[in-house]
Every structure is written in C-alpha cells, then in structure tokens.
C-alpha atoms as a PDB file:
ATOM      1  CA  MET A   1      69.018  12.073  27.322  1.00  0.00           C
ATOM      2  CA  ILE A   2      65.429  10.600  28.713  1.00  0.00           C
ATOM      3  CA  SER A   3      62.713  10.447  26.232  1.00  0.00           C
ATOM      4  CA  SER A   4      60.027  12.765  27.679  1.00  0.00           C
ATOM      5  CA  SER A   5      56.549  13.730  26.557  1.00  0.00           C
ATOM      6  CA  ILE A   6      54.041  16.258  27.853  1.00  0.00           C
ATOM      7  CA  ARG A   7      50.489  14.964  28.864  1.00  0.00           C
ATOM      8  CA  VAL A   8      47.708  16.655  26.204  1.00  0.00           C
ATOM      9  CA  ARG A   9      44.447  17.432  28.048  1.00  0.00           C
ATOM     10  CA  GLU A  10      41.677  16.065  25.416  1.00  0.00           C
ATOM     11  CA  GLU A  11      38.975  18.968  26.437  1.00  0.00           C
ATOM     12  CA  GLU A  12      41.662  21.329  24.756  1.00  0.00           C
ATOM     13  CA  TRP A  13      44.225  19.434  23.117  1.00  0.00           C
ATOM     14  CA  PHE A  14      44.979  22.045  20.532  1.00  0.00           C
ATOM     15  CA  ASP A  15      46.018  24.746  23.188  1.00  0.00           C
ATOM     16  CA  TRP A  16      48.256  21.939  24.535  1.00  0.00           C
ATOM     17  CA  ILE A  17      49.897  20.928  21.172  1.00  0.00           C
ATOM     18  CA  ARG A  18      50.680  24.748  20.112  1.00  0.00           C
ATOM     19  CA  ALA A  19      52.120  25.627  23.745  1.00  0.00           C
ATOM     20  CA  VAL A  20      54.105  22.128  23.072  1.00  0.00           C
ATOM     21  CA  GLY A  21      55.060  23.013  19.954  1.00  0.00           C
ATOM     22  CA  ASP A  22      56.487  26.535  21.541  1.00  0.00           C
ATOM     23  CA  THR A  23      59.001  25.257  23.735  1.00  0.00           C
ATOM     24  CA  LEU A  24      62.657  24.547  23.038  1.00  0.00           C
ATOM     25  CA  LEU A  25      63.172  21.077  23.716  1.00  0.00           C
ATOM     26  CA  MET A  26      60.055  19.054  24.490  1.00  0.00           C
ATOM     27  CA  ARG A  27      58.911  17.686  20.757  1.00  0.00           C
ATOM     28  CA  GLN A  28      56.889  14.662  22.172  1.00  0.00           C
ATOM     29  CA  VAL A  29      53.275  14.642  23.929  1.00  0.00           C
ATOM     30  CA  GLU A  30      51.071  12.013  25.472  1.00  0.00           C
ATOM     31  CA  LEU A  31      47.330  11.684  24.355  1.00  0.00           C
ATOM     32  CA  PRO A  32      44.218   9.470  24.700  1.00  0.00           C
ATOM     33  CA  ALA A  33      44.529   6.467  21.988  1.00  0.00           C
ATOM     34  CA  ARG A  34      40.995   7.208  21.226  1.00  0.00           C
ATOM     35  CA  LEU A  35      42.351  11.090  20.314  1.00  0.00           C
ATOM     36  CA  LEU A  36      44.862  10.440  18.382  1.00  0.00           C
ATOM     37  CA  LEU A  37      42.849   8.123  16.403  1.00  0.00           C
ATOM     38  CA  ALA A  38      39.778   9.726  15.951  1.00  0.00           C
ATOM     39  CA  ASP A  39      40.212  13.376  15.040  1.00  0.00           C
ATOM     40  CA  PRO A  40      42.255  13.990  11.769  1.00  0.00           C
ATOM     41  CA  ALA A  41      42.673  17.767  12.398  1.00  0.00           C
ATOM     42  CA  VAL A  42      44.900  16.246  15.888  1.00  0.00           C
ATOM     43  CA  LYS A  43      47.305  14.718  13.454  1.00  0.00           C
ATOM     44  CA  GLY A  44      47.433  17.769  11.184  1.00  0.00           C
ATOM     45  CA  ALA A  45      48.149  19.663  14.400  1.00  0.00           C
ATOM     46  CA  LEU A  46      50.798  17.756  15.518  1.00  0.00           C
ATOM     47  CA  GLU A  47      52.477  17.785  12.178  1.00  0.00           C
ATOM     48  CA  HIS A  48      52.270  21.335  11.749  1.00  0.00           C
ATOM     49  CA  TYR A  49      54.412  22.197  15.196  1.00  0.00           C
ATOM     50  CA  GLY A  50      56.360  19.002  14.222  1.00  0.00           C
ATOM     51  CA  LEU A  51      55.434  16.872  17.497  1.00  0.00           C
ATOM     52  CA  ARG A  52      55.796  13.170  17.858  1.00  0.00           C
ATOM     53  CA  VAL A  53      53.842  10.906  19.885  1.00  0.00           C
ATOM     54  CA  HIS A  54      55.632   8.167  21.074  1.00  0.00           C
ATOM     55  CA  HIS A  55      53.076   6.466  24.414  1.00  0.00           C
ATOM     56  CA  VAL A  56      49.620   6.911  24.290  1.00  0.00           C
ATOM     57  CA  ARG A  57      47.189   6.492  27.332  1.00  0.00           C
ATOM     58  CA  SER A  58      44.169   4.676  27.744  1.00  0.00           C
ATOM     59  CA  LEU A  59      44.228   1.706  25.070  1.00  0.00           C
ATOM     60  CA  LEU A  60      40.504   1.306  26.235  1.00  0.00           C
ATOM     61  CA  PRO A  61      38.713   4.498  27.236  1.00  0.00           C
ATOM     62  CA  GLU A  62      39.024   5.351  31.243  1.00  0.00           C
ATOM     63  CA  ALA A  63      34.735   4.942  31.653  1.00  0.00           C
ATOM     64  CA  ILE A  64      35.391   1.647  30.302  1.00  0.00           C
ATOM     65  CA  GLY A  65      38.588  -0.213  30.957  1.00  0.00           C
ATOM     66  CA  PRO A  66      38.916  -0.533  34.664  1.00  0.00           C
ATOM     67  CA  TYR A  67      35.407  -2.039  34.481  1.00  0.00           C
ATOM     68  CA  LEU A  68      35.246  -3.650  31.397  1.00  0.00           C
ATOM     69  CA  PHE A  69      36.086  -7.556  33.284  1.00  0.00           C
ATOM     70  CA  GLU A  70      33.011  -6.729  35.435  1.00  0.00           C
ATOM     71  CA  THR A  71      30.628  -6.941  31.819  1.00  0.00           C
ATOM     72  CA  SER A  72      30.062 -10.254  29.604  1.00  0.00           C
ATOM     73  CA  GLN A  73      32.373 -11.929  27.517  1.00  0.00           C
ATOM     74  CA  LYS A  74      30.604 -11.013  24.557  1.00  0.00           C
ATOM     75  CA  VAL A  75      30.522  -7.198  25.587  1.00  0.00           C
ATOM     76  CA  ARG A  76      35.068  -8.326  26.037  1.00  0.00           C
ATOM     77  CA  HIS A  77      35.611  -9.690  22.874  1.00  0.00           C
ATOM     78  CA  GLU A  78      34.161  -6.212  21.107  1.00  0.00           C
ATOM     79  CA  ALA A  79      36.595  -4.572  23.012  1.00  0.00           C
ATOM     80  CA  GLN A  80      39.131  -6.726  22.552  1.00  0.00           C
ATOM     81  CA  GLN A  81      38.595  -6.683  18.681  1.00  0.00           C
ATOM     82  CA  GLN A  82      38.310  -2.907  19.049  1.00  0.00           C
ATOM     83  CA  ALA A  83      41.475  -2.530  20.805  1.00  0.00           C
ATOM     84  CA  VAL A  84      43.079  -5.008  18.227  1.00  0.00           C
ATOM     85  CA  GLN A  85      42.098  -2.315  15.678  1.00  0.00           C
ATOM     86  CA  SER A  86      43.546   0.242  17.612  1.00  0.00           C
ATOM     87  CA  LEU A  87      46.786  -0.706  17.928  1.00  0.00           C
ATOM     88  CA  ARG A  88      47.547  -1.572  14.364  1.00  0.00           C
ATOM     89  CA  ARG A  89      46.609   2.067  13.505  1.00  0.00           C
ATOM     90  CA  LEU A  90      48.629   2.833  16.292  1.00  0.00           C
ATOM     91  CA  GLY A  91      51.569   0.907  14.764  1.00  0.00           C
ATOM     92  CA  ALA A  92      51.281   2.741  11.565  1.00  0.00           C
ATOM     93  CA  ALA A  93      51.276   6.625  13.673  1.00  0.00           C
ATOM     94  CA  HIS A  94      54.579   5.304  14.995  1.00  0.00           C
ATOM     95  CA  VAL A  95      53.504   5.309  18.226  1.00  0.00           C
ATOM     96  CA  LYS A  96      56.225   2.744  20.977  1.00  0.00           C
ATOM     97  CA  SER A  97      53.671   2.529  23.575  1.00  0.00           C
ATOM     98  CA  ALA A  98      50.040   2.384  25.114  1.00  0.00           C
ATOM     99  CA  SER A  99      48.496   2.224  28.370  1.00  0.00           C
ATOM    100  CA  LEU A 100      46.023  -0.311  29.717  1.00  0.00           C
ATOM    101  CA  ASP A 101      43.963  -0.220  32.851  1.00  0.00           C
ATOM    102  CA  LEU A 102      43.030  -3.779  33.691  1.00  0.00           C
ATOM    103  CA  GLY A 103      40.872  -2.244  37.159  1.00  0.00           C
ATOM    104  CA  LEU A 104      43.436  -4.669  39.199  1.00  0.00           C
ATOM    105  CA  GLU A 105      42.355  -2.675  42.408  1.00  0.00           C
ATOM    106  CA  ARG A 106      38.777  -4.041  41.704  1.00  0.00           C
ATOM    107  CA  ILE A 107      39.700  -7.787  42.098  1.00  0.00           C
ATOM    108  CA  ARG A 108      37.903  -8.892  45.127  1.00  0.00           C
ATOM    109  CA  PRO A 109      40.290 -11.351  47.350  1.00  0.00           C
ATOM    110  CA  LYS A 110      37.403 -13.911  47.232  1.00  0.00           C
ATOM    111  CA  GLN A 111      37.613 -13.888  43.084  1.00  0.00           C
ATOM    112  CA  LEU A 112      41.020 -13.483  42.589  1.00  0.00           C
ATOM    113  CA  GLU A 113      42.279 -16.425  40.412  1.00  0.00           C
ATOM    114  CA  GLU A 114      39.073 -15.752  37.976  1.00  0.00           C
ATOM    115  CA  GLY A 115      39.697 -12.265  38.211  1.00  0.00           C
ATOM    116  CA  LEU A 116      43.140 -12.727  37.050  1.00  0.00           C
ATOM    117  CA  GLN A 117      42.535 -15.198  34.710  1.00  0.00           C
ATOM    118  CA  ILE A 118      40.002 -13.275  32.379  1.00  0.00           C
ATOM    119  CA  ARG A 119      42.563 -10.168  32.369  1.00  0.00           C
ATOM    120  CA  LEU A 120      45.405 -12.558  31.206  1.00  0.00           C
ATOM    121  CA  GLN A 121      43.269 -14.226  28.619  1.00  0.00           C
ATOM    122  CA  PHE A 122      42.389 -10.462  27.146  1.00  0.00           C
ATOM    123  CA  LEU A 123      46.181  -9.641  27.664  1.00  0.00           C
ATOM    124  CA  ASN A 124      47.060 -12.299  25.301  1.00  0.00           C
ATOM    125  CA  GLU A 125      44.228 -11.773  22.789  1.00  0.00           C
ATOM    126  CA  LEU A 126      46.332  -8.029  22.749  1.00  0.00           C
ATOM    127  CA  LEU A 127      49.760  -9.152  22.546  1.00  0.00           C
ATOM    128  CA  PRO A 128      50.589 -10.408  19.168  1.00  0.00           C
ATOM    129  CA  ALA A 129      49.054  -7.367  17.398  1.00  0.00           C
ATOM    130  CA  ALA A 130      51.213  -5.245  19.515  1.00  0.00           C
ATOM    131  CA  ALA A 131      54.089  -6.742  19.249  1.00  0.00           C
ATOM    132  CA  ASP A 132      53.491  -6.754  15.386  1.00  0.00           C
ATOM    133  CA  GLU A 133      53.211  -3.583  15.776  1.00  0.00           C
ATOM    134  CA  GLY A 134      56.391  -2.709  17.877  1.00  0.00           C
ATOM    135  CA  LEU A 135      54.375  -1.649  20.388  1.00  0.00           C
ATOM    136  CA  LYS A 136      54.686  -2.467  24.391  1.00  0.00           C
ATOM    137  CA  LEU A 137      51.626  -2.842  26.266  1.00  0.00           C
ATOM    138  CA  CYS A 138      51.776  -1.087  29.586  1.00  0.00           C
ATOM    139  CA  ILE A 139      49.581  -2.544  32.531  1.00  0.00           C
ATOM    140  CA  VAL A 140      48.947   0.606  34.800  1.00  0.00           C
ATOM    141  CA  VAL A 141      50.351   0.567  38.044  1.00  0.00           C
ATOM    142  CA  ARG A 142      50.458   3.738  40.815  1.00  0.00           C
ATOM    143  CA  LEU A 143      52.960   5.011  43.427  1.00  0.00           C
ATOM    144  CA  PRO A 144      51.959   5.317  46.335  1.00  0.00           C
ATOM    145  CA  ARG A 145      49.096   2.225  46.096  1.00  0.00           C
ATOM    146  CA  PRO A 146      45.976   3.435  45.698  1.00  0.00           C
ATOM    147  CA  PHE A 147      45.120   2.355  49.324  1.00  0.00           C
ATOM    148  CA  GLU A 148      47.088   0.303  51.924  1.00  0.00           C
ATOM    149  CA  GLY A 149      47.251  -3.397  51.324  1.00  0.00           C
ATOM    150  CA  SER A 150      46.397  -2.886  47.427  1.00  0.00           C
ATOM    151  CA  LYS A 151      48.359  -5.914  45.697  1.00  0.00           C
ATOM    152  CA  SER A 152      47.546  -4.194  42.199  1.00  0.00           C
ATOM    153  CA  TRP A 153      51.716  -4.552  41.799  1.00  0.00           C
ATOM    154  CA  GLU A 154      52.030  -8.385  42.171  1.00  0.00           C
ATOM    155  CA  LEU A 155      48.968  -8.596  40.104  1.00  0.00           C
ATOM    156  CA  ALA A 156      50.771  -6.788  37.715  1.00  0.00           C
ATOM    157  CA  GLY A 157      53.740  -8.402  37.918  1.00  0.00           C
ATOM    158  CA  ASN A 158      52.148 -12.081  37.936  1.00  0.00           C
ATOM    159  CA  LEU A 159      50.007 -11.007  34.290  1.00  0.00           C
ATOM    160  CA  MET A 160      53.473 -10.038  32.721  1.00  0.00           C
ATOM    161  CA  HIS A 161      55.244 -13.340  33.828  1.00  0.00           C
ATOM    162  CA  ASP A 162      52.366 -15.155  32.457  1.00  0.00           C
ATOM    163  CA  SER A 163      52.011 -13.723  29.415  1.00  0.00           C
ATOM    164  CA  CYS A 164      52.163 -14.840  25.966  1.00  0.00           C
ATOM    165  CA  LEU A 165      54.567 -12.252  25.288  1.00  0.00           C
ATOM    166  CA  PRO A 166      56.012 -10.727  28.338  1.00  0.00           C
ATOM    167  CA  ALA A 167      58.814  -8.572  26.275  1.00  0.00           C
ATOM    168  CA  SER A 168      55.659  -6.890  25.004  1.00  0.00           C
ATOM    169  CA  CYS A 169      54.024  -6.551  28.418  1.00  0.00           C
ATOM    170  CA  ARG A 170      55.580  -3.906  30.575  1.00  0.00           C
ATOM    171  CA  LEU A 171      53.875  -1.102  33.795  1.00  0.00           C
ATOM    172  CA  ALA A 172      52.916   2.303  33.153  1.00  0.00           C
ATOM    173  CA  LEU A 173      53.680   3.674  36.594  1.00  0.00           C
ATOM    174  CA  ASP A 174      51.419   6.674  37.666  1.00  0.00           C
ATOM    175  CA  LEU A 175      53.654   8.412  39.778  1.00  0.00           C
ATOM    176  CA  VAL A 176      52.588  11.067  42.510  1.00  0.00           C
ATOM    177  CA  PRO A 177      55.156  12.590  44.227  1.00  0.00           C
ATOM    178  CA  ALA A 178      53.015  14.998  46.319  1.00  0.00           C
ATOM    179  CA  ASN A 179      51.837  11.751  47.966  1.00  0.00           C
ATOM    180  CA  MET A 180      54.748  10.088  48.628  1.00  0.00           C
ATOM    181  CA  GLU A 181      56.665   9.874  52.022  1.00  0.00           C
ATOM    182  CA  LYS A 182      59.297  12.200  52.097  1.00  0.00           C
ATOM    183  CA  ASP A 183      62.209  10.177  52.478  1.00  0.00           C
ATOM    184  CA  PHE A 184      61.002   7.676  50.111  1.00  0.00           C
ATOM    185  CA  ASP A 185      64.464   5.958  48.078  1.00  0.00           C
ATOM    186  CA  ILE A 186      63.914   6.766  44.857  1.00  0.00           C
ATOM    187  CA  ASN A 187      67.348   5.345  43.604  1.00  0.00           C
ATOM    188  CA  ASP A 188      66.605   1.983  45.085  1.00  0.00           C
ATOM    189  CA  PHE A 189      63.207   1.647  43.417  1.00  0.00           C
ATOM    190  CA  ILE A 190      64.336   2.035  40.202  1.00  0.00           C
ATOM    191  CA  ARG A 191      67.020  -0.198  40.544  1.00  0.00           C
ATOM    192  CA  THR A 192      64.389  -2.696  41.681  1.00  0.00           C
ATOM    193  CA  TYR A 193      62.025  -1.828  38.632  1.00  0.00           C
ATOM    194  CA  CYS A 194      63.423  -0.062  35.873  1.00  0.00           C
ATOM    195  CA  LEU A 195      63.297  -3.157  34.048  1.00  0.00           C
ATOM    196  CA  HIS A 196      59.726  -3.645  34.237  1.00  0.00           C
ATOM    197  CA  VAL A 197      58.627   0.164  33.362  1.00  0.00           C
ATOM    198  CA  GLU A 198      58.213   1.279  30.635  1.00  0.00           C
ATOM    199  CA  VAL A 199      56.718   4.549  31.266  1.00  0.00           C
ATOM    200  CA  ILE A 200      56.421   7.007  33.953  1.00  0.00           C
ATOM    201  CA  ARG A 201      53.630   9.748  34.435  1.00  0.00           C
ATOM    202  CA  PHE A 202      54.479  12.514  37.058  1.00  0.00           C
ATOM    203  CA  HIS A 203      51.467  13.400  38.151  1.00  0.00           C
ATOM    204  CA  TYR A 204      52.090  17.448  40.023  1.00  0.00           C
ATOM    205  CA  SER A 205      49.346  20.002  40.608  1.00  0.00           C
ATOM    206  CA  PRO A 206      50.803  23.716  39.971  1.00  0.00           C
ATOM    207  CA  MET A 207      47.109  24.384  41.218  1.00  0.00           C
ATOM    208  CA  TRP A 208      48.334  23.178  44.415  1.00  0.00           C
ATOM    209  CA  GLY A 209      51.406  25.161  44.757  1.00  0.00           C
ATOM    210  CA  ASP A 210      53.894  22.063  43.789  1.00  0.00           C
ATOM    211  CA  ASP A 211      56.498  22.721  41.475  1.00  0.00           C
ATOM    212  CA  LEU A 212      58.657  20.250  40.238  1.00  0.00           C
ATOM    213  CA  GLU A 213      61.958  20.988  42.043  1.00  0.00           C
ATOM    214  CA  ALA A 214      59.914  20.005  45.223  1.00  0.00           C
ATOM    215  CA  MET A 215      58.558  17.451  43.966  1.00  0.00           C
ATOM    216  CA  ARG A 216      62.266  16.168  43.409  1.00  0.00           C
ATOM    217  CA  GLU A 217      61.765  15.940  39.623  1.00  0.00           C
ATOM    218  CA  SER A 218      65.187  16.077  38.829  1.00  0.00           C
ATOM    219  CA  GLU A 219      66.170  12.950  41.546  1.00  0.00           C
ATOM    220  CA  TRP A 220      64.322  10.862  39.361  1.00  0.00           C
ATOM    221  CA  LEU A 221      65.755  11.804  36.082  1.00  0.00           C
ATOM    222  CA  ALA A 222      68.854  11.265  37.424  1.00  0.00           C
ATOM    223  CA  ALA A 223      67.964   7.930  38.809  1.00  0.00           C
ATOM    224  CA  LEU A 224      66.455   6.839  35.217  1.00  0.00           C
ATOM    225  CA  ARG A 225      69.496   7.893  33.508  1.00  0.00           C
ATOM    226  CA  ARG A 226      71.779   6.050  36.410  1.00  0.00           C
ATOM    227  CA  TYR A 227      70.227   2.672  35.530  1.00  0.00           C
ATOM    228  CA  GLY A 228      69.492   3.308  32.264  1.00  0.00           C
ATOM    229  CA  PHE A 229      66.248   3.878  31.847  1.00  0.00           C
ATOM    230  CA  ARG A 230      64.967   3.772  27.744  1.00  0.00           C
ATOM    231  CA  GLY A 231      61.214   3.952  28.427  1.00  0.00           C
ATOM    232  CA  GLU A 232      58.924   7.517  28.353  1.00  0.00           C
ATOM    233  CA  PHE A 233      59.149   9.718  31.273  1.00  0.00           C
ATOM    234  CA  VAL A 234      55.368  12.017  30.771  1.00  0.00           C
ATOM    235  CA  PHE A 235      55.035  14.965  32.832  1.00  0.00           C
ATOM    236  CA  CYS A 236      51.636  15.184  33.935  1.00  0.00           C
ATOM    237  CA  PRO A 237      50.880  18.772  35.082  1.00  0.00           C
ATOM    238  CA  GLN A 238      47.232  19.842  36.359  1.00  0.00           C
ATOM    239  CA  LEU A 239      46.123  23.406  36.101  1.00  0.00           C
ATOM    240  CA  ALA A 240      44.356  25.927  38.061  1.00  0.00           C
ATOM    241  CA  GLU A 241      41.823  28.152  36.445  1.00  0.00           C
ATOM    242  CA  ASN A 242      44.715  31.152  36.381  1.00  0.00           C
ATOM    243  CA  ASP A 243      47.359  28.946  35.168  1.00  0.00           C
ATOM    244  CA  THR A 244      48.500  29.194  31.385  1.00  0.00           C
ATOM    245  CA  VAL A 245      49.096  26.075  29.224  1.00  0.00           C
ATOM    246  CA  ASP A 246      51.695  28.107  27.667  1.00  0.00           C
ATOM    247  CA  GLN A 247      53.544  29.322  31.353  1.00  0.00           C
ATOM    248  CA  VAL A 248      53.307  25.525  32.303  1.00  0.00           C
ATOM    249  CA  CYS A 249      54.919  24.165  29.421  1.00  0.00           C
ATOM    250  CA  GLN A 250      57.858  26.634  29.428  1.00  0.00           C
ATOM    251  CA  GLY A 251      58.726  25.922  32.531  1.00  0.00           C
ATOM    252  CA  ILE A 252      58.523  22.108  32.334  1.00  0.00           C
ATOM    253  CA  ASP A 253      60.931  23.261  29.052  1.00  0.00           C
ATOM    254  CA  ARG A 254      63.479  25.007  31.391  1.00  0.00           C
ATOM    255  CA  GLN A 255      63.854  22.980  34.116  1.00  0.00           C
ATOM    256  CA  PHE A 256      64.401  19.970  31.564  1.00  0.00           C
ATOM    257  CA  SER A 257      67.204  22.231  29.580  1.00  0.00           C
ATOM    258  CA  ALA A 258      68.678  22.781  32.963  1.00  0.00           C
ATOM    259  CA  GLU A 259      68.961  18.677  33.801  1.00  0.00           C
ATOM    260  CA  MET A 260      70.662  17.950  30.654  1.00  0.00           C
END
C-alpha cells in the first residue's frame, strides 16, 4: 500500500488534524516544518488522534526559501544554521522527509553557474544533518513545469547528482493534474522518475469542481504501485468557503479505501 497523507492548512491546523483523525484509513498528515516544531499543541493534537507525520513541507519558510539565494552570505548562513537545528528536531519527531524550495525558477540564464553553485553549497551544508537523522531532503519541482522553457527539473537533477550525499537528496513533486494534458502518459513518467521522487503532492481543487477520479488519481496510484514507489503520496485539496474539512477528508478516505 502506498504511504499517503493529507495536507494540513496552517491557518486551520486543528480542524484538519481532527478531521483526518476521524477517518478510517488516513493516519498521516503533512504540514509545514515550523508548525510542527513551534507549537506544542500541534504535537499534542497529533498524539491525541493517533496521527503521524512522515513528510513536512517548507523546511525553509515559504516567504524565505525561494528568495534566500538572492540575499547576503550572512543571511544564508543564519538560515542554514536554523535549518540544521530544525532537521535535528524533525528527526527526533520521526519525520522521514522535508521539502526544500531552492527557487530554481529564479535563476537567470546568465547567472546559471553561480546560482547553482550557491544552492549546491547550501544543500551540502544540510545533507549531513539530514542523513544523521535518517531524513531525505527533497528539492521542490512542479508538473506541469511552471512556465514554458523552465529548466527546473534539469537543475534539480544536477543538484542531486552533484550533492555530497545523493542518497539523501530526492525530489518533492508538486503535481497539478488539472493543468496537464489529458493524454499525459502517467506510466512512462513514473517509470522514468520513480527512483528520484520521494514525495508526490497531489493538488486538486474541489472549489473548482475537481474530483479525484477526474484528476486520474487512481491511475497515478496504480502506476506508483506498479513501479514500487516507496515514498509519500500527499493529498492537497483546496477548499471553497462552503466546503467542510470533514467532507473532503472523508471523501479522500473513501476513495483511498476503494483502491486498496
């Protein structure tokens, strides 16, 4: 069975944890690293509802991470030290992976070599701490690519290959199926990238009428099982104002149980 989680929105974290806790099969959640580490009440709620956290998003806060490499060396060093401390604490909390947005789309072509080198140096400062704690650091990539001509996948591949600990460096894929071509070959994609991806974050929007079946969620899970995916599949629903967290979590649970 594919290990699966439901994304917890930071603003309504208790409602999401409670709703996931009331499901039959979904016993894992994904949430921001800083939320898990900064608020003891979150840990208490997870324990109360018997939930685990295998993957955290945003080891670096979303407002900082993609832009960090356009700041000074001093700022980057301070962020690196804080990230190492966070990795130690995440390991103690039995987290298995953490995503890292390196702002690859922001590297200008004329600054490619310098931009990659700065990011590689930063990554290599974190990887030993991650490996010590048994965590995978996951570079964020997107599908479809964020814009035509984006080289983010190639750049992420270069960073993984050149990193000091490639076994501890993987990809976190933000997957938006509603924006993909209808004839996209899921099997071919999974066969090609399965060994490099640690986390697939499946974004869909009930608020716009998306449902899991129409988004080919069952085909993605079937392909992942076929090729022996051992990472995490994260459901990331975007809710409308009239949707309830309970409805969405119960719907995910029913869909997931039907595919077992």
